[in-house]
Amino acid sequence: MKDEIESLQKLINAFTYLPGVGRKTAERYAYSILNLSEDETNFFAESIVEAKQKIKFCSVCGNFTDNDVCEICLNRKSDIVCVVKEPKDVLAIEKAKNFNGLYHVLHGTINPMEGKGPNDIRIKELIERVRGGQIKEVIVATNPDVEGEVTASYIAQILKPLNIKVTRIAQGISMGSALQYADEVTLSKAIEDRKEM
């Protein structure tokens, strides 16, 4: 009995690693797992392990992929690159269905309070892509919070000397919110009404 309780506590604790999952939600998830069949439990566990082992970052844009280069980079020809903070922002913009360009995922924003500067995110890789000569416009679609605004300003400042048009998604995404929570219509309009920086 003691081992079963320890195993259950371990499972509950594991679920609390997920963002937004408190103790009560973790307990619900753990009990739900216990109610799954053995096949369902194995499928669930194998899916987690497989995703962790196979999914990596695209060597071009930094989005999630299970290949060296993601499907978007392989299949789209565009001279517009949309810069986002993290891979889930790519998914949010793709759901809006009005952007057919390429992406560049920074994997963070400039945040001096957390000790994150321009060298700690994928800005050098963005500059390299722009210097490659195919890019004519960079849309900065970082979150409309302090860190996102600082990052957007920094990107605009370093790309201007390269004669690249740098735009910022239009407001409509409220200050302090995250792109992933914006509805498709608002996000679509924000990209459509982007402003030059």
Foldseek 3Di string as FASTA:
>chain_A
DVVVVVVLVVQLVVVVVDPPDDSVNSNVVSVVLVPDDPVVNVVVVVVVVCCVVQWFAAPQAGAIDSDNHHPLVVPAQDQEEEEEAYNLLVVLQVVLVPDSHHYHHFVHFDDVVVPRHPVNTCLVSVVVVVVVPSHAEYEYEYAQEPRSVVRLVVSLVVCVVVNHFYWYFAPLRDHPDGSSPDHSVSSNNRNVPIGTD
